[in-house]
PDB file of N, CA and C in Angstrom:
ATOM      1  N   MET A   1      -9.927 136.719-115.459  1.00  0.00           N
ATOM      2  CA  MET A   1      -9.844 136.227-117.116  1.00  0.00           C
ATOM      3  C   MET A   1      -9.244 134.924-117.225  1.00  0.00           C
ATOM      4  N   VAL A   2      -9.780 133.885-117.720  1.00  0.00           N
ATOM      5  CA  VAL A   2      -8.370 132.839-117.967  1.00  0.00           C
ATOM      6  C   VAL A   2      -8.089 132.278-119.151  1.00  0.00           C
ATOM      7  N   ALA A   3      -6.829 131.967-119.330  1.00  0.00           N
ATOM      8  CA  ALA A   3      -6.327 131.748-120.798  1.00  0.00           C
ATOM      9  C   ALA A   3      -5.832 130.725-120.668  1.00  0.00           C
ATOM     10  N   ALA A   4      -5.456 129.708-121.887  1.00  0.00           N
ATOM     11  CA  ALA A   4      -4.192 128.741-121.947  1.00  0.00           C
ATOM     12  C   ALA A   4      -3.937 128.729-123.540  1.00  0.00           C
ATOM     13  N   GLY A   5      -2.750 128.583-123.647  1.00  0.00           N
ATOM     14  CA  GLY A   5      -2.131 127.815-124.695  1.00  0.00           C
ATOM     15  C   GLY A   5      -0.740 128.725-125.485  1.00  0.00           C
ATOM     16  N   ASP A   6      -0.493 128.158-126.108  1.00  0.00           N
ATOM     17  CA  ASP A   6       0.864 129.145-127.037  1.00  0.00           C
ATOM     18  C   ASP A   6       1.039 130.295-127.319  1.00  0.00           C
ATOM     19  N   VAL A   7      -0.586 131.160-127.340  1.00  0.00           N
ATOM     20  CA  VAL A   7      -0.479 132.330-127.787  1.00  0.00           C
ATOM     21  C   VAL A   7      -0.974 132.924-126.886  1.00  0.00           C
ATOM     22  N   ALA A   8      -1.002 132.578-125.697  1.00  0.00           N
ATOM     23  CA  ALA A   8      -1.488 133.281-124.234  1.00  0.00           C
ATOM     24  C   ALA A   8      -0.401 133.666-123.386  1.00  0.00           C
ATOM     25  N   SER A   9      -0.656 134.886-123.062  1.00  0.00           N
ATOM     26  CA  SER A   9       0.669 135.908-122.297  1.00  0.00           C
ATOM     27  C   SER A   9       0.154 135.939-120.652  1.00  0.00           C
ATOM     28  N   TRP A  10       0.887 135.880-120.371  1.00  0.00           N
ATOM     29  CA  TRP A  10       0.812 136.268-118.436  1.00  0.00           C
ATOM     30  C   TRP A  10       1.677 137.014-117.655  1.00  0.00           C
ATOM     31  N   ARG A  11       1.345 137.689-116.781  1.00  0.00           N
ATOM     32  CA  ARG A  11       2.302 138.191-116.041  1.00  0.00           C
ATOM     33  C   ARG A  11       2.902 137.427-115.011  1.00  0.00           C
ATOM     34  N   HIS A  12       4.374 137.342-114.998  1.00  0.00           N
ATOM     35  CA  HIS A  12       5.000 136.277-114.450  1.00  0.00           C
ATOM     36  C   HIS A  12       5.502 136.984-113.329  1.00  0.00           C
ATOM     37  N   PRO A  13       6.005 136.377-111.879  1.00  0.00           N
ATOM     38  CA  PRO A  13       6.037 137.319-110.837  1.00  0.00           C
ATOM     39  C   PRO A  13       7.191 137.673-110.629  1.00  0.00           C
ATOM     40  N   GLY A  14       8.060 137.090-111.426  1.00  0.00           N
ATOM     41  CA  GLY A  14       9.465 137.337-111.520  1.00  0.00           C
ATOM     42  C   GLY A  14      10.110 137.893-112.786  1.00  0.00           C
ATOM     43  N   PHE A  15       9.509 138.002-113.762  1.00  0.00           N
ATOM     44  CA  PHE A  15       9.945 138.349-115.441  1.00  0.00           C
ATOM     45  C   PHE A  15       9.161 138.881-115.777  1.00  0.00           C
ATOM     46  N   GLY A  16       8.186 139.791-115.309  1.00  0.00           N
ATOM     47  CA  GLY A  16       7.105 140.441-115.757  1.00  0.00           C
ATOM     48  C   GLY A  16       6.062 139.713-117.209  1.00  0.00           C
ATOM     49  N   ARG A  17       5.640 140.096-118.045  1.00  0.00           N
ATOM     50  CA  ARG A  17       4.584 140.013-119.195  1.00  0.00           C
ATOM     51  C   ARG A  17       5.613 138.966-119.970  1.00  0.00           C
ATOM     52  N   LEU A  18       5.258 137.731-119.745  1.00  0.00           N
ATOM     53  CA  LEU A  18       5.688 137.035-120.897  1.00  0.00           C
ATOM     54  C   LEU A  18       4.506 135.675-121.902  1.00  0.00           C
ATOM     55  N   ARG A  19       5.035 135.600-122.795  1.00  0.00           N
ATOM     56  CA  ARG A  19       4.316 134.898-124.004  1.00  0.00           C
ATOM     57  C   ARG A  19       5.454 133.733-124.261  1.00  0.00           C
ATOM     58  N   VAL A  20       5.332 132.194-124.195  1.00  0.00           N
ATOM     59  CA  VAL A  20       6.256 131.399-124.719  1.00  0.00           C
ATOM     60  C   VAL A  20       5.299 130.478-125.466  1.00  0.00           C
ATOM     61  N   GLU A  21       6.003 130.405-126.954  1.00  0.00           N
ATOM     62  CA  GLU A  21       5.352 129.347-127.905  1.00  0.00           C
ATOM     63  C   GLU A  21       5.464 128.189-127.850  1.00  0.00           C
ATOM     64  N   HIS A  22       5.423 127.300-126.856  1.00  0.00           N
ATOM     65  CA  HIS A  22       5.849 126.119-126.638  1.00  0.00           C
ATOM     66  C   HIS A  22       4.770 125.383-126.483  1.00  0.00           C
ATOM     67  N   ARG A  23       4.774 123.756-127.013  1.00  0.00           N
ATOM     68  CA  ARG A  23       3.523 123.031-126.376  1.00  0.00           C
ATOM     69  C   ARG A  23       3.688 122.791-125.302  1.00  0.00           C
ATOM     70  N   LEU A  24       4.783 122.522-124.471  1.00  0.00           N
ATOM     71  CA  LEU A  24       5.027 122.226-123.088  1.00  0.00           C
ATOM     72  C   LEU A  24       4.461 123.454-121.971  1.00  0.00           C
ATOM     73  N   ASN A  25       4.569 124.264-122.392  1.00  0.00           N
ATOM     74  CA  ASN A  25       4.081 125.988-122.022  1.00  0.00           C
ATOM     75  C   ASN A  25       2.825 125.598-122.226  1.00  0.00           C
ATOM     76  N   ALA A  26       2.332 125.321-123.219  1.00  0.00           N
ATOM     77  CA  ALA A  26       0.474 125.299-122.882  1.00  0.00           C
ATOM     78  C   ALA A  26      -0.231 124.524-122.429  1.00  0.00           C
ATOM     79  N   THR A  27       0.383 123.012-122.313  1.00  0.00           N
ATOM     80  CA  THR A  27       0.137 122.265-121.482  1.00  0.00           C
ATOM     81  C   THR A  27       0.040 122.893-119.838  1.00  0.00           C
ATOM     82  N   GLU A  28       1.037 123.643-119.429  1.00  0.00           N
ATOM     83  CA  GLU A  28       1.155 123.679-118.330  1.00  0.00           C
ATOM     84  C   GLU A  28       0.543 124.818-117.931  1.00  0.00           C
ATOM     85  N   GLN A  29      -0.073 125.386-118.660  1.00  0.00           N
ATOM     86  CA  GLN A  29      -0.816 126.407-118.832  1.00  0.00           C
ATOM     87  C   GLN A  29      -2.602 126.161-118.722  1.00  0.00           C
ATOM     88  N   GLY A  30      -2.614 125.262-119.401  1.00  0.00           N
ATOM     89  CA  GLY A  30      -4.380 124.488-119.106  1.00  0.00           C
ATOM     90  C   GLY A  30      -4.302 124.153-117.739  1.00  0.00           C
ATOM     91  N   THR A  31      -3.231 123.021-117.439  1.00  0.00           N
ATOM     92  CA  THR A  31      -3.560 123.020-115.848  1.00  0.00           C
ATOM     93  C   THR A  31      -3.234 124.011-114.936  1.00  0.00           C
ATOM     94  N   ALA A  32      -2.938 124.749-115.240  1.00  0.00           N
ATOM     95  CA  ALA A  32      -3.285 126.159-114.185  1.00  0.00           C
ATOM     96  C   ALA A  32      -4.157 126.741-114.240  1.00  0.00           C
ATOM     97  N   ALA A  33      -4.875 126.940-115.557  1.00  0.00           N
ATOM     98  CA  ALA A  33      -5.629 127.443-115.829  1.00  0.00           C
ATOM     99  C   ALA A  33      -7.161 126.761-115.094  1.00  0.00           C
ATOM    100  N   ALA A  34      -7.189 125.412-114.965  1.00  0.00           N
ATOM    101  CA  ALA A  34      -7.940 124.685-114.653  1.00  0.00           C
ATOM    102  C   ALA A  34      -8.089 124.869-113.144  1.00  0.00           C
ATOM    103  N   TRP A  35      -6.816 124.646-112.403  1.00  0.00           N
ATOM    104  CA  TRP A  35      -6.730 124.817-111.150  1.00  0.00           C
ATOM    105  C   TRP A  35      -7.412 126.504-110.662  1.00  0.00           C
ATOM    106  N   THR A  36      -7.050 127.343-111.589  1.00  0.00           N
ATOM    107  CA  THR A  36      -7.391 128.815-111.225  1.00  0.00           C
ATOM    108  C   THR A  36      -9.164 128.641-111.085  1.00  0.00           C
ATOM    109  N   LEU A  37      -9.418 128.170-111.934  1.00  0.00           N
ATOM    110  CA  LEU A  37     -11.258 128.071-111.990  1.00  0.00           C
ATOM    111  C   LEU A  37     -11.801 127.429-111.083  1.00  0.00           C
ATOM    112  N   LEU A  38     -11.177 126.153-110.234  1.00  0.00           N
ATOM    113  CA  LEU A  38     -11.597 125.333-109.400  1.00  0.00           C
ATOM    114  C   LEU A  38     -11.061 126.231-108.065  1.00  0.00           C
ATOM    115  N   GLY A  39     -10.546 127.491-108.120  1.00  0.00           N
ATOM    116  CA  GLY A  39     -10.233 128.193-106.551  1.00  0.00           C
ATOM    117  C   GLY A  39      -8.843 128.316-106.299  1.00  0.00           C
ATOM    118  N   GLY A  40      -8.108 127.996-106.980  1.00  0.00           N
ATOM    119  CA  GLY A  40      -6.535 127.564-106.665  1.00  0.00           C
ATOM    120  C   GLY A  40      -5.818 129.312-106.656  1.00  0.00           C
ATOM    121  N   GLN A  41      -5.068 129.264-105.921  1.00  0.00           N
ATOM    122  CA  GLN A  41      -4.331 131.172-105.826  1.00  0.00           C
ATOM    123  C   GLN A  41      -3.103 131.129-105.884  1.00  0.00           C
ATOM    124  N   ALA A  42      -2.444 129.918-106.512  1.00  0.00           N
ATOM    125  CA  ALA A  42      -0.881 129.869-106.771  1.00  0.00           C
ATOM    126  C   ALA A  42      -0.724 130.594-108.019  1.00  0.00           C
ATOM    127  N   PRO A  43       0.332 131.442-108.061  1.00  0.00           N
ATOM    128  CA  PRO A  43       0.664 132.043-109.332  1.00  0.00           C
ATOM    129  C   PRO A  43       1.524 131.359-110.272  1.00  0.00           C
ATOM    130  N   PHE A  44       1.221 131.684-111.701  1.00  0.00           N
ATOM    131  CA  PHE A  44       1.798 130.585-112.580  1.00  0.00           C
ATOM    132  C   PHE A  44       3.054 131.360-113.128  1.00  0.00           C
ATOM    133  N   ALA A  45       3.928 130.497-112.356  1.00  0.00           N
ATOM    134  CA  ALA A  45       5.552 130.638-112.858  1.00  0.00           C
ATOM    135  C   ALA A  45       6.562 129.925-113.035  1.00  0.00           C
ATOM    136  N   PRO A  46       6.164 129.281-113.952  1.00  0.00           N
ATOM    137  CA  PRO A  46       7.237 128.227-114.270  1.00  0.00           C
ATOM    138  C   PRO A  46       8.254 128.686-114.721  1.00  0.00           C
ATOM    139  N   VAL A  47       9.858 128.300-114.916  1.00  0.00           N
ATOM    140  CA  VAL A  47      10.972 128.707-115.184  1.00  0.00           C
ATOM    141  C   VAL A  47      10.946 128.373-116.685  1.00  0.00           C
ATOM    142  N   PRO A  48      11.148 129.905-117.507  1.00  0.00           N
ATOM    143  CA  PRO A  48      11.055 129.469-119.008  1.00  0.00           C
ATOM    144  C   PRO A  48      12.197 129.115-119.347  1.00  0.00           C
ATOM    145  N   TYR A  49      12.259 127.858-120.446  1.00  0.00           N
ATOM    146  CA  TYR A  49      13.549 127.455-121.350  1.00  0.00           C
ATOM    147  C   TYR A  49      13.178 127.223-122.233  1.00  0.00           C
ATOM    148  N   PHE A  50      14.239 127.080-123.362  1.00  0.00           N
ATOM    149  CA  PHE A  50      14.129 126.934-124.753  1.00  0.00           C
ATOM    150  C   PHE A  50      15.509 125.973-125.196  1.00  0.00           C
ATOM    151  N   TRP A  51      14.953 125.511-126.284  1.00  0.00           N
ATOM    152  CA  TRP A  51      16.193 124.373-127.155  1.00  0.00           C
ATOM    153  C   TRP A  51      16.538 124.641-128.565  1.00  0.00           C
ATOM    154  N   THR A  52      17.171 124.306-128.946  1.00  0.00           N
ATOM    155  CA  THR A  52      17.412 123.881-130.533  1.00  0.00           C
ATOM    156  C   THR A  52      18.201 123.226-130.964  1.00  0.00           C
ATOM    157  N   ASP A  53      17.862 122.618-132.125  1.00  0.00           N
ATOM    158  CA  ASP A  53      18.879 121.220-132.947  1.00  0.00           C
ATOM    159  C   ASP A  53      19.294 122.017-134.051  1.00  0.00           C
ATOM    160  N   GLN A  54      20.855 122.000-133.786  1.00  0.00           N
ATOM    161  CA  GLN A  54      22.066 122.296-134.655  1.00  0.00           C
ATOM    162  C   GLN A  54      22.615 121.155-135.321  1.00  0.00           C
ATOM    163  N   TYR A  55      21.908 120.748-136.404  1.00  0.00           N
ATOM    164  CA  TYR A  55      22.508 119.529-136.744  1.00  0.00           C
ATOM    165  C   TYR A  55      22.544 118.197-135.985  1.00  0.00           C
ATOM    166  N   ASP A  56      23.398 117.832-135.589  1.00  0.00           N
ATOM    167  CA  ASP A  56      23.268 116.490-134.587  1.00  0.00           C
ATOM    168  C   ASP A  56      23.747 117.039-133.115  1.00  0.00           C
ATOM    169  N   VAL A  57      23.511 118.037-132.815  1.00  0.00           N
ATOM    170  CA  VAL A  57      23.619 118.615-131.457  1.00  0.00           C
ATOM    171  C   VAL A  57      22.329 119.462-130.949  1.00  0.00           C
ATOM    172  N   LYS A  58      22.026 118.874-129.561  1.00  0.00           N
ATOM    173  CA  LYS A  58      20.766 119.785-129.062  1.00  0.00           C
ATOM    174  C   LYS A  58      21.358 120.923-128.022  1.00  0.00           C
ATOM    175  N   ILE A  59      21.225 122.306-128.106  1.00  0.00           N
ATOM    176  CA  ILE A  59      21.709 123.214-127.749  1.00  0.00           C
ATOM    177  C   ILE A  59      20.543 123.681-126.540  1.00  0.00           C
TER     178      ILE A  59
END
């Protein structure tokens, strides 16, 4: 089964089951899903990250 998008979850080799609701993650998953459908064998293992804007500061 192959899925991609901000509501898709996957088993990360280092962190277990993850679901990251972020547009960049959805783009990376789409690329990984296409690679898998074409016969690729690499695990999808991006390093999750988040940020927030607090007034004029990005954290």
